[in-house]
Amino acid sequence: NISIYQRLGKLIKQHLSTFFVMRGIHMVRRAITQTFRNIVQIDTAMTELKKVTDSTSTAYNDFFDSAISKAKQFGVAITEVISATSEFAKLGYSLKDASIMADAAIVYKNVGDGIKDVQSASQSIISTIKAFEMPVGDTMEVVDVFNEIGNKFSITSGGVGEALEKSASSLSQAGNSLAESVALIATANTTLQNPSVVGNALKTISL
């Protein structure tokens, strides 16, 4: 006769086996669902990019392959790479130039402090590049300036970008260079400790 302990042991093994099988099925379903969502998101992002750019199918395929590599390199989602590129392409930049600027935005978001997402990083770069009429090739230089100031003064690199979003155009029109503008922001923030207020204040003073 089988003892009660043996019966319990057998039942436990059966239930555990069923549990792991069901758990495995559930995990597979979740993986498939997530993969499908990712595909839809990527397709949507590429569709938006195509709306604001004018390139060949080959160029888009090459860009997508590059986006996959950059996503792995920068540790971000593929959609972030594509969306960041779209942000710059909306301003009239070519797919190639927009991609270069998007790389800088992603690096800025990754290494800078006080930046919530790639879109915010992109907006700060856009404001600065446009205001000081800088060439695409200097985009990473802007990021370097933001990070250098953020490392040396009592303001985050994200704060520098935020202040410039509000004041870059006015400061540039008043004859200030990027370096001079950033110096003013860092100095003013030493007292105010609020990049948004600093940006608005410098905008008003410049006007």
Protein backbone atom coordinates (compact mmCIF):
# COMPACT_ATOMS: atom_id res chain seq x y z
CA ASN A 1 0.00 0.00 0.00
CA ILE A 2 1.10 3.56 -0.76
CA SER A 3 1.48 5.64 2.39
CA ILE A 4 -0.21 9.03 2.78
CA TYR A 5 3.17 10.71 2.54
CA GLN A 6 3.90 9.02 -0.75
CA ARG A 7 0.49 10.06 -2.08
CA LEU A 8 1.07 13.65 -0.98
CA GLY A 9 4.49 13.60 -2.57
CA LYS A 10 3.04 12.34 -5.83
CA LEU A 11 0.30 15.01 -5.82
CA ILE A 12 2.80 17.75 -5.11
CA LYS A 13 4.99 16.63 -8.01
CA GLN A 14 1.97 16.60 -10.34
CA HIS A 15 0.91 20.09 -9.30
CA LEU A 16 4.42 21.45 -9.56
CA SER A 17 4.77 19.96 -13.02
CA THR A 18 1.46 21.55 -14.08
CA PHE A 19 2.48 24.85 -12.48
CA PHE A 20 5.78 25.05 -14.37
CA VAL A 21 4.14 24.05 -17.66
CA MET A 22 1.43 26.72 -17.25
CA ARG A 23 3.99 29.26 -16.12
CA GLY A 24 6.07 28.44 -19.18
CA ILE A 25 3.07 28.87 -21.46
CA HIS A 26 2.20 32.16 -19.75
CA MET A 27 5.75 33.48 -20.16
CA VAL A 28 5.75 32.53 -23.84
CA ARG A 29 2.44 34.32 -24.34
CA ARG A 30 3.77 37.41 -22.59
CA ALA A 31 6.91 37.35 -24.71
CA ILE A 32 4.88 37.05 -27.92
CA THR A 33 2.54 39.86 -26.83
CA GLN A 34 5.44 42.15 -25.91
CA THR A 35 7.21 41.37 -29.18
CA PHE A 36 4.06 42.23 -31.11
CA ARG A 37 3.72 45.52 -29.21
CA ASN A 38 7.34 46.37 -29.92
CA ILE A 39 6.87 45.67 -33.62
CA VAL A 40 3.78 47.90 -33.72
CA GLN A 41 5.61 50.70 -31.89
CA ILE A 42 8.62 50.48 -34.19
CA ASP A 43 6.40 50.44 -37.28
CA THR A 44 4.51 53.47 -35.99
CA ALA A 45 7.75 55.33 -35.29
CA MET A 46 9.11 54.55 -38.76
CA THR A 47 5.84 55.69 -40.34
CA GLU A 48 6.09 59.02 -38.52
CA LEU A 49 9.72 59.39 -39.62
CA LYS A 50 8.77 58.80 -43.25
CA LYS A 51 6.13 61.52 -42.99
CA VAL A 52 8.73 64.14 -42.17
CA THR A 53 11.55 62.95 -44.42
CA ASP A 54 11.95 62.21 -48.10
CA SER A 55 14.32 59.31 -48.73
CA THR A 56 14.50 56.09 -50.68
CA SER A 57 13.48 52.65 -49.41
CA THR A 58 17.16 51.70 -49.34
CA ALA A 59 17.98 54.73 -47.19
CA TYR A 60 15.20 53.87 -44.74
CA ASN A 61 16.36 50.26 -44.55
CA ASP A 62 19.93 51.38 -43.89
CA PHE A 63 18.70 53.81 -41.25
CA PHE A 64 16.69 51.09 -39.53
CA ASP A 65 19.67 48.74 -39.42
CA SER A 66 21.72 51.58 -37.97
CA ALA A 67 18.99 52.35 -35.42
CA ILE A 68 19.14 48.77 -34.14
CA SER A 69 22.90 49.01 -33.65
CA LYS A 70 22.64 52.41 -31.94
CA ALA A 71 19.89 51.21 -29.64
CA LYS A 72 22.22 48.45 -28.42
CA GLN A 73 25.18 50.81 -28.23
CA PHE A 74 23.35 53.52 -26.26
CA GLY A 75 21.18 51.18 -24.22
CA VAL A 76 17.86 52.61 -25.37
CA ALA A 77 14.82 51.32 -27.25
CA ILE A 78 14.87 51.33 -31.05
CA THR A 79 11.78 53.55 -30.99
CA GLU A 80 13.72 56.19 -29.03
CA VAL A 81 16.38 56.35 -31.73
CA ILE A 82 13.74 56.66 -34.45
CA SER A 83 11.61 59.19 -32.56
CA ALA A 84 14.62 61.36 -31.74
CA THR A 85 15.52 61.40 -35.42
CA SER A 86 11.96 62.43 -36.28
CA GLU A 87 12.15 65.38 -33.86
CA PHE A 88 15.05 66.85 -35.82
CA ALA A 89 13.66 65.86 -39.22
CA LYS A 90 10.50 67.88 -38.45
CA LEU A 91 12.68 70.99 -38.56
CA GLY A 92 13.66 70.25 -42.13
CA TYR A 93 16.89 68.37 -41.57
CA SER A 94 17.67 65.48 -43.90
CA LEU A 95 17.48 61.91 -42.66
CA LYS A 96 21.27 61.81 -42.44
CA ASP A 97 21.61 65.07 -40.51
CA ALA A 98 18.65 64.31 -38.27
CA SER A 99 20.24 60.98 -37.39
CA ILE A 100 23.50 62.67 -36.38
CA MET A 101 21.64 65.11 -34.16
CA ALA A 102 19.54 62.33 -32.67
CA ASP A 103 22.73 60.52 -31.63
CA ALA A 104 23.79 63.64 -29.73
CA ALA A 105 20.38 63.89 -28.04
CA ILE A 106 20.54 60.28 -26.89
CA VAL A 107 24.07 60.73 -25.54
CA TYR A 108 22.92 63.92 -23.78
CA LYS A 109 20.03 62.06 -22.15
CA ASN A 110 22.26 59.16 -21.10
CA VAL A 111 25.19 61.07 -19.63
CA GLY A 112 23.51 64.29 -18.53
CA ASP A 113 21.81 64.88 -15.19
CA GLY A 114 18.27 66.17 -14.84
CA ILE A 115 17.00 65.00 -18.24
CA LYS A 116 13.79 62.97 -18.12
CA ASP A 117 13.73 61.60 -21.68
CA VAL A 118 15.20 61.79 -25.19
CA GLN A 119 12.48 64.17 -26.37
CA SER A 120 13.44 66.70 -23.69
CA ALA A 121 17.09 66.33 -24.66
CA SER A 122 16.19 66.86 -28.31
CA GLN A 123 14.25 70.04 -27.57
CA SER A 124 17.18 71.57 -25.67
CA ILE A 125 19.58 70.79 -28.50
CA ILE A 126 17.15 72.07 -31.14
CA SER A 127 16.71 75.39 -29.33
CA THR A 128 20.46 75.86 -28.99
CA ILE A 129 21.44 74.81 -32.51
CA LYS A 130 18.76 76.97 -34.10
CA ALA A 131 19.39 80.03 -31.94
CA PHE A 132 23.15 80.13 -32.50
CA GLU A 133 22.90 78.92 -36.13
CA MET A 134 25.33 76.08 -35.53
CA PRO A 135 26.11 73.43 -38.18
CA VAL A 136 24.95 69.86 -37.70
CA GLY A 137 28.52 68.72 -37.17
CA ASP A 138 28.73 70.80 -33.97
CA THR A 139 25.75 69.13 -32.29
CA MET A 140 27.88 66.89 -30.09
CA GLU A 141 29.94 69.93 -29.13
CA VAL A 142 26.76 71.44 -27.65
CA VAL A 143 26.26 68.32 -25.55
CA ASP A 144 29.88 68.50 -24.39
CA VAL A 145 29.38 72.12 -23.28
CA PHE A 146 26.18 71.23 -21.38
CA ASN A 147 27.87 68.36 -19.59
CA GLU A 148 31.05 70.27 -18.81
CA ILE A 149 29.11 73.08 -17.15
CA GLY A 150 26.93 70.56 -15.34
CA ASN A 151 30.03 68.87 -13.92
CA LYS A 152 31.77 72.06 -12.81
CA PHE A 153 28.99 74.32 -11.54
CA SER A 154 25.89 74.16 -9.36
CA ILE A 155 23.56 73.38 -12.24
CA THR A 156 22.79 70.10 -13.98
CA SER A 157 23.49 69.64 -17.67
CA GLY A 158 19.74 69.21 -18.07
CA GLY A 159 19.25 72.54 -16.32
CA VAL A 160 21.60 74.25 -18.78
CA GLY A 161 19.55 72.89 -21.67
CA GLU A 162 16.29 73.89 -20.01
CA ALA A 163 17.48 77.46 -19.45
CA LEU A 164 18.69 77.73 -23.05
CA GLU A 165 15.34 76.50 -24.35
CA LYS A 166 13.84 79.68 -22.91
CA SER A 167 16.67 82.13 -23.52
CA ALA A 168 18.93 80.95 -26.37
CA SER A 169 17.19 82.89 -29.12
CA SER A 170 17.15 86.17 -27.16
CA LEU A 171 20.71 85.78 -25.92
CA SER A 172 21.94 85.06 -29.44
CA GLN A 173 20.12 88.06 -30.87
CA ALA A 174 21.72 90.19 -28.17
CA GLY A 175 25.12 89.16 -29.50
CA ASN A 176 26.09 86.48 -27.01
CA SER A 177 27.93 83.33 -28.09
CA LEU A 178 26.96 79.89 -26.80
CA ALA A 179 29.88 79.95 -24.34
CA GLU A 180 28.90 83.39 -23.04
CA SER A 181 25.25 82.38 -22.73
CA VAL A 182 26.08 79.23 -20.79
CA ALA A 183 28.39 81.24 -18.51
CA LEU A 184 25.56 83.68 -17.76
CA ILE A 185 23.19 80.80 -17.00
CA ALA A 186 25.64 79.04 -14.69
CA THR A 187 26.42 82.29 -12.84
CA ALA A 188 22.78 83.30 -12.41
CA ASN A 189 21.78 79.83 -11.27
CA THR A 190 24.38 79.94 -8.50
CA THR A 191 22.04 82.36 -6.74
CA LEU A 192 18.61 81.41 -8.05
CA GLN A 193 19.01 77.61 -8.21
CA ASN A 194 16.20 77.40 -10.74
CA PRO A 195 17.15 76.94 -14.45
CA SER A 196 13.64 77.73 -15.66
CA VAL A 197 13.57 81.04 -13.79
CA VAL A 198 17.11 81.80 -14.94
CA GLY A 199 16.16 81.16 -18.56
CA ASN A 200 13.12 83.43 -18.41
CA ALA A 201 15.07 86.13 -16.58
CA LEU A 202 17.90 86.18 -19.15
CA LYS A 203 15.33 86.22 -21.95
CA THR A 204 13.66 89.29 -20.45
CA ILE A 205 16.97 91.05 -19.77
CA SER A 206 18.21 90.32 -23.30
CA LEU A 207 15.04 91.77 -24.83
